Amino acid sequence: MFLVTPAIVLSTCLFVTGLIGLLTRRNLLLVVLSLQLMFGAGVLAFVAFDQAWLMTDVTRPRTGAVFGLVASLVAAGQLALGLALVFVLARARRSLDIEALDELKW
């Protein structure tokens, strides 16, 4: 039997860890990875709530699990694009420090 409480606690811990990493890190690579950690925590919460709802109504389709799968595929594409941008900016500016990246400002 699947309990929803440990999965939601784990999801919350992962999200808070990603949020702390997002707000405290100055390295662009770590910021992208923190965003991915937060996104993964949200997907875990969707799948956990889907499993809890499945235990109450067995006849319904597994929409949360399908959404989690699609969201994971989107996250993989987002991570690939984000890392490509990080590497291009790092090669051009020779730094991954967020404060040194002023090209994106008006």
C-alpha atoms as a PDB file:
ATOM      1  CA  MET A   1       0.000   0.000   0.000  1.00  0.00           C
ATOM      2  CA  PHE A   2       1.260   3.423  -0.943  1.00  0.00           C
ATOM      3  CA  LEU A   3       1.100   6.165   1.665  1.00  0.00           C
ATOM      4  CA  VAL A   4       0.811   9.684   0.353  1.00  0.00           C
ATOM      5  CA  THR A   5       2.283  11.414   3.399  1.00  0.00           C
ATOM      6  CA  PRO A   6       5.941  10.287   3.004  1.00  0.00           C
ATOM      7  CA  ALA A   7       5.893  11.120  -0.688  1.00  0.00           C
ATOM      8  CA  ILE A   8       4.491  14.591  -0.051  1.00  0.00           C
ATOM      9  CA  VAL A   9       7.010  15.184   2.750  1.00  0.00           C
ATOM     10  CA  LEU A  10       9.812  14.129   0.393  1.00  0.00           C
ATOM     11  CA  SER A  11       8.396  16.349  -2.344  1.00  0.00           C
ATOM     12  CA  THR A  12       8.233  19.294   0.029  1.00  0.00           C
ATOM     13  CA  CYS A  13      11.801  18.720   1.218  1.00  0.00           C
ATOM     14  CA  LEU A  14      13.051  18.531  -2.372  1.00  0.00           C
ATOM     15  CA  PHE A  15      11.166  21.690  -3.310  1.00  0.00           C
ATOM     16  CA  VAL A  16      12.502  23.631  -0.308  1.00  0.00           C
ATOM     17  CA  THR A  17      16.040  22.412  -1.031  1.00  0.00           C
ATOM     18  CA  GLY A  18      15.707  23.590  -4.627  1.00  0.00           C
ATOM     19  CA  LEU A  19      14.278  26.930  -3.521  1.00  0.00           C
ATOM     20  CA  ILE A  20      17.128  27.494  -1.067  1.00  0.00           C
ATOM     21  CA  GLY A  21      19.627  26.589  -3.788  1.00  0.00           C
ATOM     22  CA  LEU A  22      17.891  28.963  -6.201  1.00  0.00           C
ATOM     23  CA  LEU A  23      17.949  31.881  -3.784  1.00  0.00           C
ATOM     24  CA  THR A  24      21.427  31.433  -2.313  1.00  0.00           C
ATOM     25  CA  ARG A  25      23.644  30.241  -5.160  1.00  0.00           C
ATOM     26  CA  ARG A  26      25.467  32.589  -7.490  1.00  0.00           C
ATOM     27  CA  ASN A  27      26.655  29.884  -9.881  1.00  0.00           C
ATOM     28  CA  LEU A  28      24.397  29.706 -12.950  1.00  0.00           C
ATOM     29  CA  LEU A  29      24.798  25.941 -13.301  1.00  0.00           C
ATOM     30  CA  LEU A  30      23.647  25.341  -9.724  1.00  0.00           C
ATOM     31  CA  VAL A  31      20.682  27.650 -10.252  1.00  0.00           C
ATOM     32  CA  VAL A  32      19.552  25.606 -13.277  1.00  0.00           C
ATOM     33  CA  LEU A  33      19.947  22.375 -11.323  1.00  0.00           C
ATOM     34  CA  SER A  34      17.985  23.852  -8.397  1.00  0.00           C
ATOM     35  CA  LEU A  35      15.157  24.737 -10.774  1.00  0.00           C
ATOM     36  CA  GLN A  36      15.146  21.165 -12.060  1.00  0.00           C
ATOM     37  CA  LEU A  37      15.011  19.860  -8.495  1.00  0.00           C
ATOM     38  CA  MET A  38      11.976  22.038  -7.811  1.00  0.00           C
ATOM     39  CA  PHE A  39      10.294  20.834 -11.004  1.00  0.00           C
ATOM     40  CA  GLY A  40      10.980  17.207 -10.070  1.00  0.00           C
ATOM     41  CA  ALA A  41       9.444  17.774  -6.646  1.00  0.00           C
ATOM     42  CA  GLY A  42       6.269  19.010  -8.300  1.00  0.00           C
ATOM     43  CA  VAL A  43       6.122  15.952 -10.544  1.00  0.00           C
ATOM     44  CA  LEU A  44       6.585  13.700  -7.503  1.00  0.00           C
ATOM     45  CA  ALA A  45       3.684  15.446  -5.772  1.00  0.00           C
ATOM     46  CA  PHE A  46       1.434  14.926  -8.808  1.00  0.00           C
ATOM     47  CA  VAL A  47       2.248  11.223  -8.940  1.00  0.00           C
ATOM     48  CA  ALA A  48       1.769  10.820  -5.167  1.00  0.00           C
ATOM     49  CA  PHE A  49      -1.635  12.486  -5.229  1.00  0.00           C
ATOM     50  CA  ASP A  50      -2.607  10.404  -8.249  1.00  0.00           C
ATOM     51  CA  GLN A  51      -1.709   7.248  -6.352  1.00  0.00           C
ATOM     52  CA  ALA A  52      -3.728   8.380  -3.334  1.00  0.00           C
ATOM     53  CA  TRP A  53      -6.715   9.160  -5.528  1.00  0.00           C
ATOM     54  CA  LEU A  54      -6.373   5.780  -7.246  1.00  0.00           C
ATOM     55  CA  MET A  55      -6.738   4.076  -3.861  1.00  0.00           C
ATOM     56  CA  THR A  56     -10.142   5.731  -3.406  1.00  0.00           C
ATOM     57  CA  ASP A  57     -11.465   5.222  -6.962  1.00  0.00           C
ATOM     58  CA  VAL A  58     -10.003   2.251  -8.815  1.00  0.00           C
ATOM     59  CA  THR A  59     -12.105   2.740 -11.960  1.00  0.00           C
ATOM     60  CA  ARG A  60     -10.635   6.069 -13.029  1.00  0.00           C
ATOM     61  CA  PRO A  61      -7.706   6.455 -15.472  1.00  0.00           C
ATOM     62  CA  ARG A  62      -4.175   7.202 -14.268  1.00  0.00           C
ATOM     63  CA  THR A  63      -4.086  10.833 -15.367  1.00  0.00           C
ATOM     64  CA  GLY A  64      -1.617  11.996 -12.719  1.00  0.00           C
ATOM     65  CA  ALA A  65       0.937   9.364 -13.659  1.00  0.00           C
ATOM     66  CA  VAL A  66       0.609  10.233 -17.346  1.00  0.00           C
ATOM     67  CA  PHE A  67       0.975  13.916 -16.500  1.00  0.00           C
ATOM     68  CA  GLY A  68       4.067  13.089 -14.436  1.00  0.00           C
ATOM     69  CA  LEU A  69       5.581  11.216 -17.364  1.00  0.00           C
ATOM     70  CA  VAL A  70       4.902  14.062 -19.795  1.00  0.00           C
ATOM     71  CA  ALA A  71       6.189  16.626 -17.299  1.00  0.00           C
ATOM     72  CA  SER A  72       9.374  14.594 -16.828  1.00  0.00           C
ATOM     73  CA  LEU A  73       9.929  14.552 -20.588  1.00  0.00           C
ATOM     74  CA  VAL A  74       9.412  18.314 -20.743  1.00  0.00           C
ATOM     75  CA  ALA A  75      11.821  18.740 -17.824  1.00  0.00           C
ATOM     76  CA  ALA A  76      14.480  16.740 -19.661  1.00  0.00           C
ATOM     77  CA  GLY A  77      14.162  19.044 -22.671  1.00  0.00           C
ATOM     78  CA  GLN A  78      14.207  22.087 -20.421  1.00  0.00           C
ATOM     79  CA  LEU A  79      17.352  20.837 -18.697  1.00  0.00           C
ATOM     80  CA  ALA A  80      19.096  20.204 -22.016  1.00  0.00           C
ATOM     81  CA  LEU A  81      18.248  23.686 -23.264  1.00  0.00           C
ATOM     82  CA  GLY A  82      19.182  25.319 -19.958  1.00  0.00           C
ATOM     83  CA  LEU A  83      22.537  23.555 -19.800  1.00  0.00           C
ATOM     84  CA  ALA A  84      23.256  24.492 -23.410  1.00  0.00           C
ATOM     85  CA  LEU A  85      22.577  28.146 -22.593  1.00  0.00           C
ATOM     86  CA  VAL A  86      24.751  27.927 -19.479  1.00  0.00           C
ATOM     87  CA  PHE A  87      27.655  26.471 -21.447  1.00  0.00           C
ATOM     88  CA  VAL A  88      27.334  29.064 -24.229  1.00  0.00           C
ATOM     89  CA  LEU A  89      27.265  31.905 -21.695  1.00  0.00           C
ATOM     90  CA  ALA A  90      30.160  30.387 -19.749  1.00  0.00           C
ATOM     91  CA  ARG A  91      32.247  30.065 -22.877  1.00  0.00           C
ATOM     92  CA  ALA A  92      31.485  33.631 -23.990  1.00  0.00           C
ATOM     93  CA  ARG A  93      31.932  35.318 -20.598  1.00  0.00           C
ATOM     94  CA  ARG A  94      34.436  32.907 -18.970  1.00  0.00           C
ATOM     95  CA  SER A  95      32.354  32.970 -15.785  1.00  0.00           C
ATOM     96  CA  LEU A  96      29.289  31.260 -14.339  1.00  0.00           C
ATOM     97  CA  ASP A  97      28.676  34.004 -11.792  1.00  0.00           C
ATOM     98  CA  ILE A  98      25.154  35.410 -12.121  1.00  0.00           C
ATOM     99  CA  GLU A  99      26.259  38.910 -11.171  1.00  0.00           C
ATOM    100  CA  ALA A 100      28.770  38.951 -14.045  1.00  0.00           C
ATOM    101  CA  LEU A 101      26.080  38.241 -16.637  1.00  0.00           C
ATOM    102  CA  ASP A 102      24.791  41.656 -17.577  1.00  0.00           C
ATOM    103  CA  GLU A 103      24.151  40.935 -21.265  1.00  0.00           C
ATOM    104  CA  LEU A 104      20.542  39.962 -20.626  1.00  0.00           C
ATOM    105  CA  LYS A 105      19.647  43.354 -19.135  1.00  0.00           C
ATOM    106  CA  TRP A 106      18.163  46.195 -21.176  1.00  0.00           C
END
